[in-house]
Each structure stands twice: as structure tokens, then as C-alpha cells.
Protein backbone atom coordinates (compact mmCIF):
# COMPACT_ATOMS: atom_id res chain seq x y z
CA UNK A 1 -3.24 -14.14 -5.32
CA UNK A 2 -4.28 -13.21 -1.60
CA UNK A 3 -1.02 -14.32 0.09
CA UNK A 4 0.86 -12.04 -2.62
CA UNK A 5 -0.86 -8.58 -1.59
CA UNK A 6 -0.47 -9.63 2.01
CA UNK A 7 3.36 -10.19 1.87
CA UNK A 8 3.88 -7.03 -0.48
CA UNK A 9 2.19 -4.87 1.69
CA UNK A 10 4.21 -6.47 4.41
CA UNK A 11 7.02 -5.50 2.66
CA UNK A 12 6.26 -2.35 1.85
CA UNK A 13 5.54 -1.15 5.35
CA UNK A 14 8.59 -2.56 6.36
CA UNK A 15 10.50 -0.49 4.46
CA UNK A 16 8.46 2.32 4.77
CA UNK A 17 8.60 1.86 8.68
CA UNK A 18 12.91 2.14 8.25
CA UNK A 19 12.31 5.09 5.80
CA UNK A 20 10.70 7.13 8.46
CA UNK A 21 12.78 5.71 11.60
CA UNK A 22 16.16 6.30 10.14
CA UNK A 23 15.18 9.30 8.35
CA UNK A 24 14.01 10.55 12.05
CA UNK A 25 9.92 11.41 10.75
CA UNK A 26 8.46 8.71 12.83
CA UNK A 27 5.52 11.68 12.86
CA UNK A 28 4.39 9.89 9.42
CA UNK A 29 4.28 6.36 11.12
CA UNK A 30 2.38 7.96 14.04
CA UNK A 31 -0.73 10.17 11.63
CA UNK A 32 -0.76 6.24 9.87
CA UNK A 33 -0.89 4.19 13.09
CA UNK A 34 -3.62 6.76 14.06
CA UNK A 35 -5.51 6.41 10.28
CA UNK A 36 -5.39 2.10 11.39
CA UNK A 37 -7.40 2.80 14.38
CA UNK A 38 -10.01 4.34 12.57
CA UNK A 39 -10.25 2.18 9.84
CA UNK A 40 -10.10 -0.63 13.07
CA UNK A 41 -13.67 0.01 13.85
CA UNK A 42 -15.31 -1.02 10.35
CA UNK A 43 -12.04 -3.70 9.14
CA UNK A 44 -10.75 -4.78 12.15
CA UNK A 45 -7.50 -5.13 13.29
CA UNK A 46 -5.73 -5.32 9.77
CA UNK A 47 -2.84 -2.98 10.79
CA UNK A 48 -1.27 -6.12 13.08
CA UNK A 49 -1.85 -7.97 10.36
CA UNK A 50 -0.83 -6.54 7.10
CA UNK A 51 0.91 -3.58 7.85
CA UNK A 52 3.06 -3.67 11.52
CA UNK A 53 6.61 -3.86 10.88
CA UNK A 54 6.95 -5.78 13.99
CA UNK A 55 4.81 -8.39 13.12
CA UNK A 56 6.43 -8.58 9.45
CA UNK A 57 10.18 -9.60 11.74
CA UNK A 58 8.59 -11.74 14.21
CA UNK A 59 6.99 -13.74 11.42
CA UNK A 60 10.71 -14.27 9.84
CA UNK A 61 11.81 -15.26 12.86
CA UNK A 62 9.04 -17.51 14.15
CA UNK A 63 9.75 -19.23 10.93
CA UNK A 64 12.95 -19.69 11.66
CA UNK A 65 12.21 -21.87 15.45
CA UNK A 66 9.74 -23.15 14.24
CA UNK A 67 12.35 -24.75 11.18
CA UNK A 68 14.97 -25.64 14.02
CA UNK A 69 11.85 -26.91 16.26
CA UNK A 70 13.10 -24.51 18.72
CA UNK A 71 10.59 -24.26 22.21
CA UNK A 72 8.50 -22.21 22.42
CA UNK A 73 6.65 -20.84 25.70
CA UNK A 74 3.04 -19.38 26.40
CA UNK A 75 1.65 -16.36 27.71
CA UNK A 76 3.29 -16.05 31.48
CA UNK A 77 0.20 -15.79 34.11
CA UNK A 78 1.64 -12.96 35.66
CA UNK A 79 1.34 -10.94 31.79
CA UNK A 80 -2.00 -13.00 30.58
CA UNK A 81 -4.46 -9.89 31.89
CA UNK A 82 -2.81 -7.39 29.45
CA UNK A 83 -2.01 -4.75 32.21
CA UNK A 84 1.50 -4.69 30.84
CA UNK A 85 0.88 -3.53 27.46
CA UNK A 86 -1.64 -0.72 28.60
CA UNK A 87 1.42 0.44 31.39
CA UNK A 88 4.24 0.03 28.07
CA UNK A 89 1.50 2.26 26.06
CA UNK A 90 1.24 5.32 28.85
CA UNK A 91 4.96 5.06 28.81
CA UNK A 92 5.59 5.81 25.14
CA UNK A 93 2.21 8.61 25.09
CA UNK A 94 3.99 9.87 28.07
CA UNK A 95 7.48 9.57 26.30
CA UNK A 96 5.97 11.46 22.78
CA UNK A 97 4.26 14.27 24.88
CA UNK A 98 7.54 14.74 26.79
CA UNK A 99 9.88 15.00 23.86
CA UNK A 100 7.25 17.91 21.90
CA UNK A 101 7.22 20.02 25.68
CA UNK A 102 10.80 20.26 25.78
CA UNK A 103 11.01 20.14 21.71
CA UNK A 104 13.30 17.12 22.00
CA UNK A 105 14.48 15.20 19.09
CA UNK A 106 12.00 11.44 19.02
CA UNK A 107 13.88 8.31 19.48
CA UNK A 108 12.92 4.93 17.40
CA UNK A 109 10.90 3.91 19.82
CA UNK A 110 9.15 1.27 17.87
CA UNK A 111 12.20 0.28 16.26
CA UNK A 112 13.65 -0.64 19.84
CA UNK A 113 10.15 -2.66 20.06
CA UNK A 114 10.56 -5.02 17.06
CA UNK A 115 14.26 -5.74 18.32
CA UNK A 116 12.78 -6.97 21.55
CA UNK A 117 9.81 -8.62 19.71
CA UNK A 118 12.79 -10.62 18.04
CA UNK A 119 14.62 -11.88 20.86
CA UNK A 120 11.13 -12.49 22.77
CA UNK A 121 9.87 -15.03 19.47
CA UNK A 122 13.06 -17.03 20.31
CA UNK A 123 11.52 -17.69 23.39
CA UNK A 124 8.08 -17.57 23.19
CA UNK A 125 5.23 -17.65 21.34
CA UNK A 126 3.87 -14.71 18.93
CA UNK A 127 0.70 -14.62 20.86
CA UNK A 128 2.69 -13.80 24.21
CA UNK A 129 4.15 -10.25 22.38
CA UNK A 130 0.35 -9.81 20.16
CA UNK A 131 -1.45 -10.01 23.16
CA UNK A 132 0.04 -8.96 26.25
CA UNK A 133 3.18 -6.81 25.67
CA UNK A 134 2.59 -4.90 22.44
CA UNK A 135 1.79 -1.53 23.28
CA UNK A 136 0.60 -0.49 20.27
CA UNK A 137 -1.84 -3.54 19.66
CA UNK A 138 -3.63 -2.42 22.66
CA UNK A 139 -5.49 0.20 20.99
CA UNK A 140 -5.61 -2.04 17.90
CA UNK A 141 -7.67 -4.82 20.11
CA UNK A 142 -9.66 -2.09 21.85
CA UNK A 143 -11.08 -0.49 18.25
CA UNK A 144 -11.25 -3.86 16.40
CA UNK A 145 -13.55 -5.50 19.20
CA UNK A 146 -16.63 -4.85 17.32
CA UNK A 147 -15.33 -4.51 13.79
CA UNK A 148 -18.14 -4.66 11.34
CA UNK A 149 -16.01 -6.93 9.02
CA UNK A 150 -14.13 -9.13 10.06
CA UNK A 151 -12.79 -12.52 9.13
CA UNK A 152 -15.71 -15.44 11.07
CA UNK A 153 -16.16 -18.83 10.93
CA UNK A 154 -19.43 -20.27 9.20
CA UNK A 155 -20.64 -22.96 11.72
CA UNK A 156 -22.43 -25.07 9.37
CA UNK A 157 -18.94 -25.79 7.52
CA UNK A 158 -16.74 -25.93 10.69
CA UNK A 159 -16.20 -29.60 11.52
CA UNK A 160 -13.83 -28.80 14.37
CA UNK A 161 -10.65 -29.96 13.33
CA UNK A 162 -8.83 -27.56 15.14
CA UNK A 163 -6.49 -27.10 11.94
CA UNK A 164 -6.65 -22.85 12.25
CA UNK A 165 -5.77 -23.04 15.50
CA UNK A 166 -2.59 -24.33 14.97
CA UNK A 167 -1.51 -21.76 12.67
CA UNK A 168 -2.77 -18.41 13.91
CA UNK A 169 -0.54 -16.05 15.17
CA UNK A 170 -2.53 -13.87 17.90
CA UNK A 171 -4.16 -17.04 19.52
CA UNK A 172 -7.60 -15.73 18.27
CA UNK A 173 -9.20 -18.92 17.42
CA UNK A 174 -10.57 -21.71 20.05
CA UNK A 175 -13.09 -24.34 19.85
CA UNK A 176 -16.25 -24.28 21.20
CA UNK A 177 -16.70 -26.99 24.07
CA UNK A 178 -20.11 -27.45 23.51
CA UNK A 179 -20.65 -27.37 19.94
CA UNK A 180 -17.45 -28.49 18.83
CA UNK A 181 -17.20 -25.73 16.58
CA UNK A 182 -14.37 -22.82 16.18
CA UNK A 183 -15.38 -19.66 17.10
CA UNK A 184 -12.61 -16.11 16.01
CA UNK A 185 -12.49 -13.43 18.57
CA UNK A 186 -12.17 -10.21 16.49
CA UNK A 187 -10.74 -8.27 19.08
CA UNK A 188 -7.51 -10.60 18.94
CA UNK A 189 -7.61 -11.31 15.02
CA UNK A 190 -4.91 -10.26 12.84
CA UNK A 191 -7.24 -10.36 9.57
CA UNK A 192 -4.39 -12.12 7.84
CA UNK A 193 -5.00 -15.44 5.96
CA UNK A 194 -3.24 -18.15 7.78
CA UNK A 195 -6.54 -19.83 9.25
CA UNK A 196 -8.50 -19.12 5.92
CA UNK A 197 -5.83 -20.90 3.64
CA UNK A 198 -5.55 -24.14 6.01
CA UNK A 199 -9.11 -24.72 6.25
CA UNK A 200 -10.14 -27.87 4.41
CA UNK A 201 -13.90 -26.89 5.21
CA UNK A 202 -13.17 -23.44 3.80
CA UNK A 203 -15.53 -22.34 6.54
CA UNK A 204 -13.62 -19.39 7.33
CA UNK A 205 -14.39 -15.71 5.26
CA UNK A 206 -14.27 -12.01 5.88
CA UNK A 207 -17.66 -10.95 5.96
CA UNK A 208 -20.08 -8.40 7.70
CA UNK A 209 -20.87 -8.83 11.30
CA UNK A 210 -24.49 -10.60 11.62
């Protein structure tokens, strides 16, 4: 039932995104994004996992890639620091401000990023775009890093099987080398159900920060 609502919200969000982009009323999407930024302080980076149409397209693309067993590369070293995503974000803001000042029609930039993300997914793991390229995920990451509620690992239940690690799109889960238990980086977590669904010990739950 959880997955049903997740997929339902993703499809509705994708349709809304396409509608506002092609009708050139992208301000609606900008407002929605701003609301989710505020919400990220409390509920985590759920925009990326539930609402973001770019992620929805990437999920479908990634399934095709995995079905055909195409090779996907990890994050290149020059992108790993995350500076590139901030550069793109600043460029996006500058473009929006300039368009408003000059009273020019806003181009559907997010739509172009969706196309880039789909192409990249054929060659790189999803985490590359999510963590190192996406300009819209940069602020989500920043606001969600201290989220009041998030998916977290119940250490006492975790067996360190690494099943959750293999299914996490943004690579937000790692195994502690000391206690061999999983831990979730809240700043990267998309708040989806991928890890929670596959965990054999039911050690991953959505709970308040202790």
C-alpha cells in the first residue's frame, strides 16, 4: 500500500510538471519547490523521492538499464565534492532573475535537466546525478540534513546484510566498519521505501530524530 501511494504521487507530480512546463506557468512549480524546501527541515528530502519528475524519469530509465545489464559508472572524482551542482544552481537562479528583470519568457529549464538526467542514467549510476549534478537537489540536501523526521536504522535490529545499500538510489546508506550496521545519511535520503521494503530484519523505519 505504501508503494502504491508513492507511485501515485510520482505520476501525478510528473503530469503536473509537464502541464506547467508546456503551458509556460513554471512559477507554479517554483512555488511548490519552495514549499518542499521548508518542509524538508521537518520531513526530510521527500521532494526528490516523491515529487521530483526528473527522479521519476530516472527510475524508469534505470530499470531499463538494469534489465539489459548495461554498465553504469560511479561518480567521477572531479564531481564528488558537489561543487558542480552548486554552480548549476547559481546559474539557474541568475537565469531566472535575469529573465524577470528583462521581462522575458522563462524557458522550461527543469525539462531540459530531465532530458540530461535520462541520458546520464544510461551511463552513470543514479547517485551521480542526484548527489553531484542536480541543481535542485542541492538545497534539498542542505535543508534536509537536520530533518526532524526521516528514515533511520534501528541499530539493534540491523544485521549488516547490505541489502538496503544495493537498492538506495542516492547511495545514502553505508555500513559502519566498526559495528557492521547500516546507517542512513539524512541529507542524501530521498525518503522513499526502497530500503525499508527489502530489509529482511525490518530495521529501517520512518521516525523522529532522537
